[in-house]
C-alpha atoms as a PDB file:
ATOM      1  CA  UNK A   1      70.853  56.642  30.460  1.00  0.00           C
ATOM      2  CA  UNK A   2      72.329  56.286  33.946  1.00  0.00           C
ATOM      3  CA  UNK A   3      70.991  52.742  34.274  1.00  0.00           C
ATOM      4  CA  UNK A   4      72.682  51.770  31.004  1.00  0.00           C
ATOM      5  CA  UNK A   5      75.998  53.181  32.206  1.00  0.00           C
ATOM      6  CA  UNK A   6      75.810  51.279  35.487  1.00  0.00           C
ATOM      7  CA  UNK A   7      74.892  48.088  33.657  1.00  0.00           C
ATOM      8  CA  UNK A   8      77.765  48.588  31.187  1.00  0.00           C
ATOM      9  CA  UNK A   9      80.216  49.120  34.056  1.00  0.00           C
ATOM     10  CA  UNK A  10      79.076  45.970  35.874  1.00  0.00           C
ATOM     11  CA  UNK A  11      79.247  43.796  32.766  1.00  0.00           C
ATOM     12  CA  UNK A  12      82.609  45.268  31.781  1.00  0.00           C
ATOM     13  CA  UNK A  13      84.028  44.550  35.224  1.00  0.00           C
ATOM     14  CA  UNK A  14      82.696  40.992  35.040  1.00  0.00           C
ATOM     15  CA  UNK A  15      84.212  40.507  31.561  1.00  0.00           C
ATOM     16  CA  UNK A  16      87.632  41.716  32.724  1.00  0.00           C
ATOM     17  CA  UNK A  17      87.467  39.529  35.821  1.00  0.00           C
ATOM     18  CA  UNK A  18      86.523  36.459  33.782  1.00  0.00           C
ATOM     19  CA  UNK A  19      89.291  37.148  31.255  1.00  0.00           C
ATOM     20  CA  UNK A  20      91.784  37.467  34.100  1.00  0.00           C
ATOM     21  CA  UNK A  21      90.751  34.071  35.461  1.00  0.00           C
ATOM     22  CA  UNK A  22      91.006  32.517  32.002  1.00  0.00           C
ATOM     23  CA  UNK A  23      94.428  34.051  31.347  1.00  0.00           C
ATOM     24  CA  UNK A  24      95.655  32.869  34.759  1.00  0.00           C
ATOM     25  CA  UNK A  25      94.496  29.340  33.945  1.00  0.00           C
ATOM     26  CA  UNK A  26      96.200  29.426  30.536  1.00  0.00           C
ATOM     27  CA  UNK A  27      99.500  30.616  31.987  1.00  0.00           C
ATOM     28  CA  UNK A  28      99.419  27.862  34.603  1.00  0.00           C
ATOM     29  CA  UNK A  29      98.426  25.235  32.035  1.00  0.00           C
ATOM     30  CA  UNK A  30     101.499  25.853  29.891  1.00  0.00           C
ATOM     31  CA  UNK A  31     103.839  26.357  32.843  1.00  0.00           C
ATOM     32  CA  UNK A  32     103.973  22.726  33.948  1.00  0.00           C
ATOM     33  CA  UNK A  33     105.697  19.972  31.952  1.00  0.00           C
ATOM     34  CA  UNK A  34     103.646  17.286  30.245  1.00  0.00           C
ATOM     35  CA  UNK A  35     104.991  14.597  32.577  1.00  0.00           C
ATOM     36  CA  UNK A  36     103.456  16.381  35.563  1.00  0.00           C
ATOM     37  CA  UNK A  37      99.972  15.871  34.130  1.00  0.00           C
ATOM     38  CA  UNK A  38     100.607  12.141  33.853  1.00  0.00           C
ATOM     39  CA  UNK A  39     102.068  11.990  37.362  1.00  0.00           C
ATOM     40  CA  UNK A  40      99.033  13.828  38.750  1.00  0.00           C
ATOM     41  CA  UNK A  41      96.753  11.407  36.853  1.00  0.00           C
ATOM     42  CA  UNK A  42      94.997  14.216  34.991  1.00  0.00           C
ATOM     43  CA  UNK A  43      94.308  14.628  31.290  1.00  0.00           C
ATOM     44  CA  UNK A  44      97.174  15.660  29.029  1.00  0.00           C
ATOM     45  CA  UNK A  45      98.879  19.029  28.846  1.00  0.00           C
ATOM     46  CA  UNK A  46      97.645  19.417  25.272  1.00  0.00           C
ATOM     47  CA  UNK A  47      94.049  18.917  26.399  1.00  0.00           C
ATOM     48  CA  UNK A  48      94.182  21.398  29.282  1.00  0.00           C
ATOM     49  CA  UNK A  49      96.260  23.874  27.292  1.00  0.00           C
ATOM     50  CA  UNK A  50      93.685  23.752  24.507  1.00  0.00           C
ATOM     51  CA  UNK A  51      90.744  24.131  26.877  1.00  0.00           C
ATOM     52  CA  UNK A  52      92.364  27.086  28.606  1.00  0.00           C
ATOM     53  CA  UNK A  53      93.423  28.680  25.294  1.00  0.00           C
ATOM     54  CA  UNK A  54      89.918  28.445  23.865  1.00  0.00           C
ATOM     55  CA  UNK A  55      88.456  29.853  27.068  1.00  0.00           C
ATOM     56  CA  UNK A  56      90.940  32.755  26.985  1.00  0.00           C
ATOM     57  CA  UNK A  57      90.052  33.520  23.358  1.00  0.00           C
ATOM     58  CA  UNK A  58      86.349  33.520  24.203  1.00  0.00           C
ATOM     59  CA  UNK A  59      87.064  35.822  27.143  1.00  0.00           C
ATOM     60  CA  UNK A  60      89.112  38.125  24.926  1.00  0.00           C
ATOM     61  CA  UNK A  61      86.336  38.347  22.347  1.00  0.00           C
ATOM     62  CA  UNK A  62      83.828  39.437  24.994  1.00  0.00           C
ATOM     63  CA  UNK A  63      85.911  42.305  26.392  1.00  0.00           C
ATOM     64  CA  UNK A  64      84.208  45.676  25.868  1.00  0.00           C
ATOM     65  CA  UNK A  65      87.399  47.438  24.722  1.00  0.00           C
ATOM     66  CA  UNK A  66      87.642  45.621  21.419  1.00  0.00           C
ATOM     67  CA  UNK A  67      85.961  47.187  18.359  1.00  0.00           C
ATOM     68  CA  UNK A  68      84.668  43.760  17.280  1.00  0.00           C
ATOM     69  CA  UNK A  69      83.139  42.714  20.597  1.00  0.00           C
ATOM     70  CA  UNK A  70      80.901  39.703  20.266  1.00  0.00           C
ATOM     71  CA  UNK A  71      78.115  39.932  22.851  1.00  0.00           C
ATOM     72  CA  UNK A  72      76.113  37.404  20.852  1.00  0.00           C
ATOM     73  CA  UNK A  73      78.228  34.556  22.180  1.00  0.00           C
ATOM     74  CA  UNK A  74      75.450  33.918  24.669  1.00  0.00           C
ATOM     75  CA  UNK A  75      76.451  31.430  27.318  1.00  0.00           C
ATOM     76  CA  UNK A  76      79.934  30.778  25.903  1.00  0.00           C
ATOM     77  CA  UNK A  77      81.718  33.182  28.328  1.00  0.00           C
ATOM     78  CA  UNK A  78      80.129  31.367  31.268  1.00  0.00           C
ATOM     79  CA  UNK A  79      81.219  27.996  29.874  1.00  0.00           C
ATOM     80  CA  UNK A  80      84.724  29.343  29.246  1.00  0.00           C
ATOM     81  CA  UNK A  81      85.232  30.695  32.756  1.00  0.00           C
ATOM     82  CA  UNK A  82      83.807  27.466  34.174  1.00  0.00           C
ATOM     83  CA  UNK A  83      86.362  25.409  32.239  1.00  0.00           C
ATOM     84  CA  UNK A  84      89.154  27.668  33.479  1.00  0.00           C
ATOM     85  CA  UNK A  85      87.777  27.366  37.003  1.00  0.00           C
ATOM     86  CA  UNK A  86      87.798  23.574  36.786  1.00  0.00           C
ATOM     87  CA  UNK A  87      91.461  23.690  35.797  1.00  0.00           C
ATOM     88  CA  UNK A  88      92.324  26.074  38.623  1.00  0.00           C
ATOM     89  CA  UNK A  89      90.331  24.196  41.262  1.00  0.00           C
ATOM     90  CA  UNK A  90      91.095  20.600  40.318  1.00  0.00           C
ATOM     91  CA  UNK A  91      94.113  20.227  38.047  1.00  0.00           C
ATOM     92  CA  UNK A  92      96.371  23.007  39.327  1.00  0.00           C
ATOM     93  CA  UNK A  93      96.461  21.794  42.967  1.00  0.00           C
ATOM     94  CA  UNK A  94      97.277  18.275  41.761  1.00  0.00           C
ATOM     95  CA  UNK A  95     100.070  19.598  39.553  1.00  0.00           C
ATOM     96  CA  UNK A  96     101.449  21.686  42.397  1.00  0.00           C
ATOM     97  CA  UNK A  97     101.458  18.713  44.741  1.00  0.00           C
ATOM     98  CA  UNK A  98     103.353  16.652  42.180  1.00  0.00           C
ATOM     99  CA  UNK A  99     105.829  19.372  41.241  1.00  0.00           C
ATOM    100  CA  UNK A 100     106.230  21.095  44.602  1.00  0.00           C
ATOM    101  CA  UNK A 101     104.835  24.415  43.306  1.00  0.00           C
ATOM    102  CA  UNK A 102     107.313  24.275  40.370  1.00  0.00           C
ATOM    103  CA  UNK A 103     109.662  26.665  42.089  1.00  0.00           C
ATOM    104  CA  UNK A 104     112.740  25.443  40.291  1.00  0.00           C
ATOM    105  CA  UNK A 105     116.123  25.075  41.885  1.00  0.00           C
ATOM    106  CA  UNK A 106     116.136  28.634  43.193  1.00  0.00           C
ATOM    107  CA  UNK A 107     112.703  28.479  44.798  1.00  0.00           C
ATOM    108  CA  UNK A 108     111.309  30.945  47.296  1.00  0.00           C
ATOM    109  CA  UNK A 109     113.560  32.263  49.999  1.00  0.00           C
END
């Protein structure tokens, strides 16, 4: 019984961590204007927003707090967090370099 509890805790922590990464990617995908994606020579905002939204939904469905948890998704959570990671590692730095961190006219002080 103790081994099952430890395993459940580890997998739950991993699911929450992956969902956090996916949600972070989704928020950043919708934060930048569509013209910034073209200026950074990346795929469109609709594409990356859709990829990040699907990955966030997959991450949400694998959280252990939901009554309809779907552990049978197999490798889908790994694919989803990988897609979000690609956005965060490749697209987001390019968007930030084009937009100057999108700080707006008030910026950081």
